[in-house]
Amino acid sequence: MSQTIFRTVVGAFLLFVTLIDPSLADHVGYLYIQANDTREGQNAVLGYVRHDDGSLSPLSGNPFYTAGTGMNNDTHAKLGPHDNDTPLIISPNGKYLFTVNTHSNTIAAFTIHDDGSLKQVKGSPFPSHGVGPNSLSISGHTLLAANRNEDYHQLEELRGRANASYVSFVVEDDGALRKVSKIEVEGSQKPTQIHASQTEPAIAFGSDFQVDADFDGDEQRSFVAGLKPSVQGQLHVFQIGHGSVLTEKRRLQVPETNAEYKYKGMAGVPSMPLGIWTHPKQPLLYVGFVTRNELGVYHFTKEGEMHFKGSVANSGQDICWVLPNKEGTRLYTVNNLPRPDLGQKAATVTTYDISGEHAEKPLEIGVLELPMPGESFKNNRNFEQPGSTAFQCSLNPAETTLYVICQRVNQTDENKSEAGNILHSLQLDENGVPSKIQSRNLGQDGIHFKSRPQGIATIDK
C-alpha cells in the first residue's frame, strides 16, 4: 500500500471514529473517583475517559457500585473524618482498582477492563478488619489499609469500643484480598493515610491526625466525637515482611518548627502531620505540617530509621496532601483553606521544585487559587470559609495534568446550596506549574450533593 493510500485510509478511519464519538479521537486513558455516597448501599466508583487536553467524559457504564456505603460527615466541615488520602487506588499492573466503603467497613475490589469499565472481583467487598477504612496503598502483592474509626454514625466504636488500625492483606492473583496482620492504634489516634515507600518496598509510613475540640468555647461544632477535647497526631514507620506481615518499627512526633505561628482557630494547637508521600528516587518522606503551613522533609533508611532534615514554608492554609511527580522534580500540595493574610479567597495548590539539592529543601515556585462554588459559612473553628474546599489530587500518567477534587463541606441542613462537589483539571506548563483550569460539576454525573466525593486515580489503557 502506498503512503498516500495509507494516509487516506487512516484519515477516513479517524473521521469515522470522530463522527461516531468525538471523544474517542483524543482518548488517552481513564480516570476514576469514588462517590462516597452516604445513602445505604449506593456508594460507587465513577469512571471517565481522559482526553489529551485534560478534559473528561463519563464512561457509559457509570456508576460502578461498590456494594457498600460512604461516610456521612454531616457537620460544619468538621476537621478529621474526611482528612484522608488514597481512598481509591489502582494496582501497579493496572489490572485492579481498590476503594473503601468507610461506613460499611469494607474494601471493594474491581477488575479494570480495556474499555475502562469495572467489574467487581469475586467476593468483593472484603472486610477491612477495622472501623472506617479511609486509605489504601500497595507494595508488590501487599495491600495496606488504614482504618480511621471516626465515623459519627458508628459512634460507640468512635468513643472507645474500637481502636483505629493499620491492616495488611495479600492481593491474590484474581484480585481478592486475604487479611494477614493488624496493628491497632491506641490513645484515640486517627489515621489519615497509609503510604508504601517508592524506593524501599519493605518500608511504609502512616500518619495520624485527630482534632476534636471546641475552639471557640461557645459552640459544639468541633467537639462532637469524644467526651473530652483531644488534639493530637503522630507518624508511624512500618516494615512489610515475608508473607505481607506488617510490623511497626517506630512512632514519631512532628517537631515544633514554628511554635510562634498562630492563625484564627489554631492558637495553642501543636504541630501535627497530615499528608505524606515519598520521593520517587531518594529515601525521603515529605509530610504536610498542617497546623504550621509547612512542608517537612525526613530522610529514612532501609531499617526504618528517620532523620528530620527540616521544613519549608507553604503559601496556603492547612497544607493537607502532597504528591511528587515520577521524575522527582516537582511536588504539589493541596491546601484546604485560603490565607486571607495573603489575599486568598479559596483553597490553593502549591508547586515546589524538588530537583537536585531542592529534594531536601523544597523551593516553592508557584501557588494557584482554585475556583470555589458554593456559599461561605462559619466552620467548626468558628470563622468564615468557602463552601467547597480541595482535598485530594492525582497526576495523569504523562504528568501533563493535575486533577484536584473538591468537596461540598458544609453538610448541615442550614446549607441550602447543592453546589461544591467539583473536579478540577489543571494543565501543567513546561515548568510543571499548574496554569489553565477546567472545572467539572460532579452533580451532573450523579454525585449526590449530600455526599463528599473522594479519591482520584488515572490509568492509560
Protein backbone atom coordinates (compact mmCIF):
# COMPACT_ATOMS: atom_id res chain seq x y z
CA MET A 1 0.00 0.00 0.00
CA SER A 2 1.42 3.40 -0.96
CA GLN A 3 1.90 6.08 1.69
CA THR A 4 -0.76 8.24 0.02
CA ILE A 5 -3.36 5.45 0.14
CA PHE A 6 -2.35 4.58 3.71
CA ARG A 7 -2.80 8.19 4.89
CA THR A 8 -6.15 8.36 3.13
CA VAL A 9 -7.37 5.17 4.82
CA VAL A 10 -6.16 6.29 8.26
CA GLY A 11 -7.68 9.73 7.79
CA ALA A 12 -11.03 8.25 6.80
CA PHE A 13 -10.97 5.93 9.81
CA LEU A 14 -10.25 8.80 12.22
CA LEU A 15 -13.03 10.86 10.64
CA PHE A 16 -15.40 7.90 11.05
CA VAL A 17 -14.40 7.50 14.74
CA THR A 18 -14.86 11.21 15.35
CA LEU A 19 -18.30 11.26 13.74
CA ILE A 20 -19.43 8.30 15.86
CA ASP A 21 -17.95 9.60 19.12
CA PRO A 22 -15.78 12.74 19.02
CA SER A 23 -14.40 11.96 22.48
CA LEU A 24 -12.62 8.83 21.18
CA ALA A 25 -10.40 10.71 18.74
CA ASP A 26 -8.20 12.14 21.52
CA HIS A 27 -8.83 9.44 24.12
CA VAL A 28 -5.66 8.91 26.15
CA GLY A 29 -6.85 6.92 29.18
CA TYR A 30 -9.23 6.76 32.10
CA LEU A 31 -9.81 8.47 35.43
CA TYR A 32 -11.76 7.18 38.44
CA ILE A 33 -13.21 8.83 41.53
CA GLN A 34 -15.33 7.49 44.38
CA ALA A 35 -18.78 8.97 45.04
CA ASN A 36 -18.58 8.31 48.80
CA ASP A 37 -22.37 8.11 48.63
CA THR A 38 -23.90 8.17 52.10
CA ARG A 39 -27.15 6.52 51.00
CA GLU A 40 -27.29 2.89 52.13
CA GLY A 41 -25.63 0.59 49.62
CA GLN A 42 -25.33 3.33 46.97
CA ASN A 43 -21.59 4.03 47.10
CA ALA A 44 -19.96 3.76 43.69
CA VAL A 45 -16.92 4.46 41.54
CA LEU A 46 -17.35 6.82 38.60
CA GLY A 47 -15.14 6.36 35.54
CA TYR A 48 -14.20 8.93 32.92
CA VAL A 49 -12.48 8.95 29.56
CA ARG A 50 -9.48 11.30 29.79
CA HIS A 51 -8.66 13.49 26.80
CA ASP A 52 -5.32 14.98 25.87
CA ASP A 53 -6.43 18.47 26.92
CA GLY A 54 -7.22 17.21 30.44
CA SER A 55 -11.00 17.24 29.95
CA LEU A 56 -13.21 14.30 30.91
CA SER A 57 -16.19 12.39 29.51
CA PRO A 58 -18.17 9.97 31.73
CA LEU A 59 -17.89 6.26 30.90
CA SER A 60 -21.12 4.80 29.56
CA GLY A 61 -21.15 2.11 32.27
CA ASN A 62 -21.32 4.54 35.22
CA PRO A 63 -21.87 4.12 38.11
CA PHE A 64 -19.90 1.04 39.20
CA TYR A 65 -21.42 0.17 42.57
CA THR A 66 -19.16 -0.90 45.43
CA ALA A 67 -21.86 -2.79 47.37
CA GLY A 68 -21.29 -0.51 50.35
CA THR A 69 -21.93 2.89 51.90
CA GLY A 70 -19.80 6.00 52.19
CA MET A 71 -19.33 8.06 55.35
CA ASN A 72 -21.68 10.88 56.31
CA ASN A 73 -19.85 13.82 57.88
CA ASP A 74 -22.95 16.00 58.33
CA THR A 75 -21.17 18.80 60.21
CA HIS A 76 -19.79 22.30 59.60
CA ALA A 77 -16.65 20.99 57.80
CA LYS A 78 -15.56 19.08 60.89
CA LEU A 79 -11.81 18.53 60.89
CA GLY A 80 -10.82 14.88 60.79
CA PRO A 81 -13.36 12.46 59.32
CA HIS A 82 -12.67 13.28 55.67
CA ASP A 83 -8.99 14.05 56.13
CA ASN A 84 -7.59 11.13 54.17
CA ASP A 85 -5.64 10.39 51.03
CA THR A 86 -5.62 7.45 48.59
CA PRO A 87 -9.08 6.05 49.43
CA LEU A 88 -9.06 4.78 45.83
CA ILE A 89 -6.01 3.20 44.14
CA ILE A 90 -5.06 1.18 41.06
CA SER A 91 -2.68 -1.79 41.28
CA PRO A 92 0.77 -1.25 39.71
CA ASN A 93 -0.02 -3.74 36.93
CA GLY A 94 -3.17 -1.78 36.02
CA LYS A 95 -5.44 -4.80 36.44
CA TYR A 96 -7.32 -3.92 39.62
CA LEU A 97 -8.92 -0.95 41.34
CA PHE A 98 -9.48 -0.90 45.11
CA THR A 99 -11.56 1.57 47.10
CA VAL A 100 -13.05 1.91 50.58
CA ASN A 101 -16.62 1.80 51.85
CA THR A 102 -15.95 3.81 55.01
CA HIS A 103 -19.33 3.41 56.73
CA SER A 104 -19.62 -0.28 55.74
CA ASN A 105 -16.09 -1.11 56.97
CA THR A 106 -15.23 -2.85 53.70
CA ILE A 107 -12.87 -2.58 50.73
CA ALA A 108 -14.25 -3.04 47.22
CA ALA A 109 -12.09 -4.65 44.52
CA PHE A 110 -12.69 -4.31 40.78
CA THR A 111 -11.13 -5.69 37.62
CA ILE A 112 -10.36 -2.92 35.09
CA HIS A 113 -11.28 -3.88 31.52
CA ASP A 114 -9.62 -2.48 28.41
CA ASP A 115 -12.62 -0.23 27.73
CA GLY A 116 -12.28 1.29 31.22
CA SER A 117 -15.33 -0.48 32.65
CA LEU A 118 -15.13 -2.13 36.06
CA LYS A 119 -16.34 -5.49 37.31
CA GLN A 120 -16.32 -6.50 40.97
CA VAL A 121 -13.82 -9.18 41.92
CA LYS A 122 -15.43 -12.37 43.24
CA GLY A 123 -16.00 -11.96 46.99
CA SER A 124 -15.91 -8.15 46.91
CA PRO A 125 -16.35 -6.13 49.03
CA PHE A 126 -13.91 -7.54 51.58
CA PRO A 127 -13.89 -6.75 55.33
CA SER A 128 -11.37 -4.03 56.21
CA HIS A 129 -10.91 -5.68 59.63
CA GLY A 130 -11.40 -2.32 61.33
CA VAL A 131 -13.77 0.62 61.57
CA GLY A 132 -13.90 3.34 58.94
CA PRO A 133 -11.34 2.37 56.25
CA ASN A 134 -10.07 5.53 54.59
CA SER A 135 -6.68 4.98 52.91
CA LEU A 136 -5.02 2.28 50.81
CA SER A 137 -1.53 1.60 49.43
CA ILE A 138 0.10 -1.26 47.51
CA SER A 139 3.62 -2.69 47.69
CA GLY A 140 4.11 -5.71 45.44
CA HIS A 141 1.38 -8.20 46.32
CA THR A 142 0.64 -6.46 49.63
CA LEU A 143 -2.29 -4.11 50.08
CA LEU A 144 -2.19 -1.87 53.16
CA ALA A 145 -5.27 -0.23 54.67
CA ALA A 146 -5.81 2.41 57.34
CA ASN A 147 -8.98 2.17 59.44
CA ARG A 148 -9.62 5.65 60.85
CA ASN A 149 -12.54 4.89 63.23
CA GLU A 150 -14.01 8.39 63.11
CA ASP A 151 -17.45 7.75 61.68
CA TYR A 152 -20.04 9.71 63.65
CA HIS A 153 -22.64 7.17 62.61
CA GLN A 154 -20.63 4.41 64.34
CA LEU A 155 -20.42 6.48 67.50
CA GLU A 156 -19.91 3.74 70.08
CA GLU A 157 -16.86 2.46 68.22
CA LEU A 158 -15.57 6.01 67.91
CA ARG A 159 -16.00 6.70 71.63
CA GLY A 160 -13.94 3.75 72.82
CA ARG A 161 -15.39 0.42 71.78
CA ALA A 162 -12.81 0.05 68.99
CA ASN A 163 -9.36 1.36 68.10
CA ALA A 164 -8.13 2.69 64.81
CA SER A 165 -5.81 0.30 62.98
CA TYR A 166 -3.45 -0.45 60.10
CA VAL A 167 -4.03 -3.77 58.30
CA SER A 168 -2.11 -5.74 55.66
CA PHE A 169 -3.62 -8.02 53.01
CA VAL A 170 -2.29 -10.28 50.29
CA VAL A 171 -3.67 -9.43 46.85
CA GLU A 172 -4.44 -12.79 45.28
CA ASP A 173 -3.94 -13.45 41.56
CA ASP A 174 -7.65 -12.80 40.91
CA GLY A 175 -7.66 -9.50 42.86
CA ALA A 176 -9.25 -10.93 46.01
CA LEU A 177 -7.94 -9.75 49.40
CA ARG A 178 -6.73 -12.04 52.19
CA LYS A 179 -6.07 -10.43 55.56
CA VAL A 180 -2.64 -11.11 57.05
CA SER A 181 -1.92 -8.80 60.01
CA LYS A 182 -3.34 -5.91 62.01
CA ILE A 183 -1.76 -3.18 64.18
CA GLU A 184 -4.13 -1.32 66.48
CA VAL A 185 -3.51 2.35 67.27
CA GLU A 186 -4.05 3.23 70.91
CA GLY A 187 -4.93 6.54 72.52
CA SER A 188 -7.75 7.55 70.17
CA GLN A 189 -5.30 8.43 67.39
CA LYS A 190 -6.94 8.60 63.96
CA PRO A 191 -5.07 7.52 60.80
CA THR A 192 -5.34 9.73 57.74
CA GLN A 193 -3.07 7.88 55.32
CA ILE A 194 -1.00 4.75 54.72
CA HIS A 195 1.79 5.00 52.14
CA ALA A 196 4.30 2.40 50.91
CA SER A 197 7.74 3.80 50.07
CA GLN A 198 8.54 4.19 46.38
CA THR A 199 12.24 3.43 46.91
CA GLU A 200 12.18 0.85 49.72
CA PRO A 201 9.31 -1.60 49.09
CA ALA A 202 9.63 -3.13 52.56
CA ILE A 203 9.04 0.24 54.29
CA ALA A 204 5.68 2.01 54.71
CA PHE A 205 4.51 5.07 56.61
CA GLY A 206 1.33 6.04 58.43
CA SER A 207 0.01 9.42 59.52
CA ASP A 208 -2.40 10.01 62.42
CA PHE A 209 -4.36 13.24 62.92
CA GLN A 210 -7.17 13.95 65.37
CA VAL A 211 -8.86 17.25 66.19
CA ASP A 212 -11.86 17.10 68.49
CA ALA A 213 -12.05 20.36 70.42
CA ASP A 214 -14.38 23.29 70.93
CA PHE A 215 -12.05 26.02 69.66
CA ASP A 216 -14.29 29.00 70.28
CA GLY A 217 -15.56 27.93 73.70
CA ASP A 218 -19.13 28.73 72.73
CA GLU A 219 -20.50 26.07 70.43
CA GLN A 220 -20.09 22.35 69.81
CA ARG A 221 -19.11 22.49 66.15
CA SER A 222 -15.84 20.63 66.67
CA PHE A 223 -16.18 18.85 70.00
CA VAL A 224 -18.59 16.10 68.97
CA ALA A 225 -16.65 12.83 68.90
CA GLY A 226 -15.42 12.24 72.41
CA LEU A 227 -16.21 13.18 75.97
CA LYS A 228 -13.22 15.48 76.34
CA PRO A 229 -11.16 17.64 73.96
CA SER A 230 -8.39 15.88 72.05
CA VAL A 231 -5.88 17.37 69.59
CA GLN A 232 -3.04 15.06 68.58
CA GLY A 233 -1.12 13.43 65.76
CA GLN A 234 1.89 11.22 65.01
CA LEU A 235 3.81 9.36 62.30
CA HIS A 236 4.36 5.59 62.03
CA VAL A 237 7.15 3.67 60.33
CA PHE A 238 6.19 0.12 59.29
CA GLN A 239 8.05 -2.82 57.84
CA ILE A 240 6.40 -5.13 55.31
CA GLY A 241 7.83 -8.56 55.93
CA HIS A 242 7.65 -12.03 54.42
CA GLY A 243 4.10 -13.08 53.59
CA SER A 244 2.88 -9.44 53.77
CA VAL A 245 3.20 -9.32 57.56
CA LEU A 246 3.13 -5.70 58.80
CA THR A 247 5.17 -4.73 61.86
CA GLU A 248 5.69 -1.34 63.43
CA LYS A 249 9.27 -0.07 63.62
CA ARG A 250 8.73 3.27 65.39
CA ARG A 251 6.45 6.22 66.06
CA LEU A 252 7.41 9.87 65.78
CA GLN A 253 6.01 13.17 66.94
CA VAL A 254 6.22 16.07 64.50
CA PRO A 255 8.84 18.61 65.68
CA GLU A 256 7.81 22.11 66.74
CA THR A 257 9.37 24.05 63.87
CA ASN A 258 7.19 27.15 64.04
CA ALA A 259 5.66 27.30 67.51
CA GLU A 260 5.02 31.05 67.27
CA TYR A 261 2.69 30.54 64.29
CA LYS A 262 -0.87 31.42 65.18
CA TYR A 263 -3.90 31.53 62.96
CA LYS A 264 -7.51 32.09 63.91
CA GLY A 265 -8.85 28.90 65.45
CA MET A 266 -5.39 27.33 65.81
CA ALA A 267 -3.93 29.08 68.86
CA GLY A 268 -2.46 26.52 71.23
CA VAL A 269 -2.68 23.65 68.72
CA PRO A 270 0.54 21.57 68.45
CA SER A 271 2.43 20.83 65.25
CA MET A 272 0.68 17.90 63.54
CA PRO A 273 1.14 15.82 60.36
CA LEU A 274 -1.40 15.18 57.64
CA GLY A 275 -0.47 14.20 54.06
CA ILE A 276 2.61 12.02 53.43
CA TRP A 277 4.42 10.83 50.30
CA THR A 278 7.91 9.57 49.45
CA HIS A 279 10.34 10.89 46.85
CA PRO A 280 10.29 8.55 43.82
CA LYS A 281 14.08 8.17 43.63
CA GLN A 282 15.52 9.09 47.02
CA PRO A 283 14.79 7.81 50.56
CA LEU A 284 12.93 10.97 51.55
CA LEU A 285 9.49 11.34 53.14
CA TYR A 286 7.53 14.56 52.63
CA VAL A 287 5.00 15.48 55.34
CA GLY A 288 2.41 18.25 55.43
CA PHE A 289 2.71 20.04 58.78
CA VAL A 290 -0.92 21.08 58.59
CA THR A 291 -1.10 23.27 61.68
CA ARG A 292 2.08 25.15 60.75
CA ASN A 293 1.60 25.69 57.00
CA GLU A 294 4.93 23.98 56.36
CA LEU A 295 6.26 21.06 54.34
CA GLY A 296 8.53 18.78 56.36
CA VAL A 297 11.27 16.52 54.96
CA TYR A 298 12.64 13.31 56.52
CA HIS A 299 15.44 11.01 55.37
CA PHE A 300 14.88 7.32 56.12
CA THR A 301 16.99 4.16 55.97
CA LYS A 302 16.21 0.60 54.87
CA GLU A 303 15.84 -0.23 58.56
CA GLY A 304 13.23 2.50 59.01
CA GLU A 305 15.41 4.96 60.92
CA MET A 306 14.21 8.53 60.48
CA HIS A 307 16.22 11.76 60.31
CA PHE A 308 14.42 15.11 60.17
CA LYS A 309 16.02 17.34 57.53
CA GLY A 310 13.92 20.45 58.18
CA SER A 311 10.82 22.18 56.85
CA VAL A 312 9.90 24.97 54.44
CA ALA A 313 7.02 27.44 54.40
CA ASN A 314 3.86 26.95 52.37
CA SER A 315 1.77 29.82 50.97
CA GLY A 316 -1.53 28.01 51.56
CA GLN A 317 -3.64 27.49 54.66
CA ASP A 318 -3.98 23.94 56.03
CA ILE A 319 -1.45 22.14 53.82
CA CYS A 320 -3.03 18.70 53.51
CA TRP A 321 -2.00 16.38 50.68
CA VAL A 322 1.40 16.10 49.00
CA LEU A 323 2.30 14.48 45.67
CA PRO A 324 5.64 14.42 43.79
CA ASN A 325 5.97 13.64 40.09
CA LYS A 326 7.68 10.48 38.83
CA GLU A 327 10.96 12.23 37.97
CA GLY A 328 11.28 13.76 41.41
CA THR A 329 11.49 17.32 40.06
CA ARG A 330 8.16 18.76 41.22
CA LEU A 331 5.95 18.32 44.27
CA TYR A 332 2.37 19.55 44.61
CA THR A 333 0.48 20.28 47.82
CA VAL A 334 -3.27 20.72 48.21
CA ASN A 335 -4.03 23.45 50.75
CA ASN A 336 -7.53 23.10 52.10
CA LEU A 337 -8.35 26.72 53.03
CA PRO A 338 -7.45 30.23 51.86
CA ARG A 339 -4.92 32.54 53.51
CA PRO A 340 -6.77 35.86 53.98
CA ASP A 341 -3.47 37.43 55.08
CA LEU A 342 -2.21 36.74 51.54
CA GLY A 343 -5.42 37.89 49.86
CA GLN A 344 -6.64 34.37 49.08
CA LYS A 345 -10.35 33.61 48.97
CA ALA A 346 -10.27 29.87 48.22
CA ALA A 347 -8.22 26.70 48.53
CA THR A 348 -4.89 26.60 46.70
CA VAL A 349 -2.37 24.26 45.06
CA THR A 350 1.32 24.93 45.71
CA THR A 351 4.14 23.78 43.42
CA TYR A 352 7.64 23.06 44.75
CA ASP A 353 10.89 22.44 42.92
CA ILE A 354 12.38 19.25 44.44
CA SER A 355 15.07 18.65 41.82
CA GLY A 356 18.73 18.32 42.80
CA GLU A 357 19.58 20.00 46.08
CA HIS A 358 15.94 21.06 46.47
CA ALA A 359 14.92 17.46 47.19
CA GLU A 360 15.84 18.01 50.85
CA LYS A 361 14.89 21.69 50.88
CA PRO A 362 11.95 22.20 48.50
CA LEU A 363 11.63 25.59 46.80
CA GLU A 364 8.13 26.99 46.30
CA ILE A 365 7.75 28.16 42.69
CA GLY A 366 4.01 28.71 42.35
CA VAL A 367 0.65 28.84 44.10
CA LEU A 368 -2.70 28.66 42.29
CA GLU A 369 -6.10 29.57 43.73
CA LEU A 370 -8.91 27.20 42.77
CA PRO A 371 -12.44 28.23 41.71
CA MET A 372 -14.75 27.63 44.66
CA PRO A 373 -18.51 27.49 44.10
CA GLY A 374 -20.97 27.32 46.99
CA GLU A 375 -21.90 29.67 49.80
CA SER A 376 -19.45 30.60 52.55
CA PHE A 377 -20.31 29.63 56.11
CA LYS A 378 -18.97 29.64 59.65
CA ASN A 379 -16.97 26.43 60.08
CA ASN A 380 -16.14 24.26 63.07
CA ARG A 381 -13.37 26.69 64.04
CA ASN A 382 -15.98 29.45 64.08
CA PHE A 383 -14.69 31.51 61.15
CA GLU A 384 -15.85 32.05 57.57
CA GLN A 385 -14.71 29.59 54.91
CA PRO A 386 -15.72 28.72 51.32
CA GLY A 387 -18.47 26.17 50.82
CA SER A 388 -16.20 24.00 48.67
CA THR A 389 -12.60 23.13 49.52
CA ALA A 390 -9.86 20.99 47.98
CA PHE A 391 -8.95 17.57 49.37
CA GLN A 392 -7.07 15.18 47.08
CA CYS A 393 -5.11 15.19 43.83
CA SER A 394 -3.63 12.92 41.17
CA LEU A 395 -1.43 13.32 38.10
CA ASN A 396 -2.20 11.74 34.76
CA PRO A 397 0.45 9.17 33.68
CA ALA A 398 2.05 11.65 31.24
CA GLU A 399 2.11 14.23 34.06
CA THR A 400 0.68 16.99 31.92
CA THR A 401 -2.47 17.42 34.02
CA LEU A 402 -3.03 17.61 37.77
CA TYR A 403 -6.54 16.63 38.88
CA VAL A 404 -7.87 18.05 42.16
CA ILE A 405 -11.13 17.03 43.83
CA CYS A 406 -13.15 19.48 45.93
CA GLN A 407 -15.97 18.69 48.33
CA ARG A 408 -19.17 20.41 49.47
CA VAL A 409 -18.03 20.66 53.07
CA ASN A 410 -20.96 22.22 54.95
CA GLN A 411 -23.28 19.21 55.10
CA THR A 412 -25.65 20.61 57.73
CA ASP A 413 -29.30 21.29 56.96
CA GLU A 414 -28.65 25.05 57.07
CA ASN A 415 -26.75 24.80 53.76
CA LYS A 416 -29.37 25.18 51.03
CA SER A 417 -26.88 25.27 48.16
CA GLU A 418 -26.20 21.98 46.39
CA ALA A 419 -23.02 23.32 44.76
CA GLY A 420 -19.50 22.39 45.81
CA ASN A 421 -18.55 18.91 44.58
CA ILE A 422 -16.07 19.73 41.80
CA LEU A 423 -13.28 18.01 39.88
CA HIS A 424 -10.64 20.44 38.60
CA SER A 425 -8.26 19.65 35.72
CA LEU A 426 -5.12 21.78 35.97
CA GLN A 427 -2.90 21.93 32.91
CA LEU A 428 0.83 21.96 33.74
CA ASP A 429 3.12 24.28 31.80
CA GLU A 430 6.65 23.49 30.61
CA ASN A 431 7.94 24.12 34.15
CA GLY A 432 5.41 21.71 35.70
CA VAL A 433 3.40 24.56 37.23
CA PRO A 434 -0.44 24.46 37.07
CA SER A 435 -1.96 27.15 34.92
CA LYS A 436 -5.15 26.64 32.92
CA ILE A 437 -8.11 25.25 34.89
CA GLN A 438 -11.11 23.26 33.68
CA SER A 439 -13.79 22.52 36.28
CA ARG A 440 -16.42 19.79 36.22
CA ASN A 441 -19.54 19.92 38.41
CA LEU A 442 -19.88 16.36 39.69
CA GLY A 443 -23.59 16.76 40.36
CA GLN A 444 -24.18 16.33 36.63
CA ASP A 445 -22.52 12.90 36.86
CA GLY A 446 -24.81 11.62 39.61
CA ILE A 447 -22.85 12.61 42.73
CA HIS A 448 -25.47 13.30 45.39
CA PHE A 449 -24.95 16.74 46.93
CA LYS A 450 -25.03 15.26 50.46
CA SER A 451 -22.01 13.12 49.60
CA ARG A 452 -18.37 14.21 49.62
CA PRO A 453 -16.64 12.52 46.64
CA GLN A 454 -13.09 11.36 47.29
CA GLY A 455 -10.09 9.67 45.73
CA ILE A 456 -8.65 10.09 42.23
CA ALA A 457 -6.68 7.59 40.16
CA THR A 458 -5.68 7.62 36.50
CA ILE A 459 -4.56 4.95 34.06
CA ASP A 460 -3.62 4.62 30.39
CA LYS A 461 -5.15 1.69 28.53
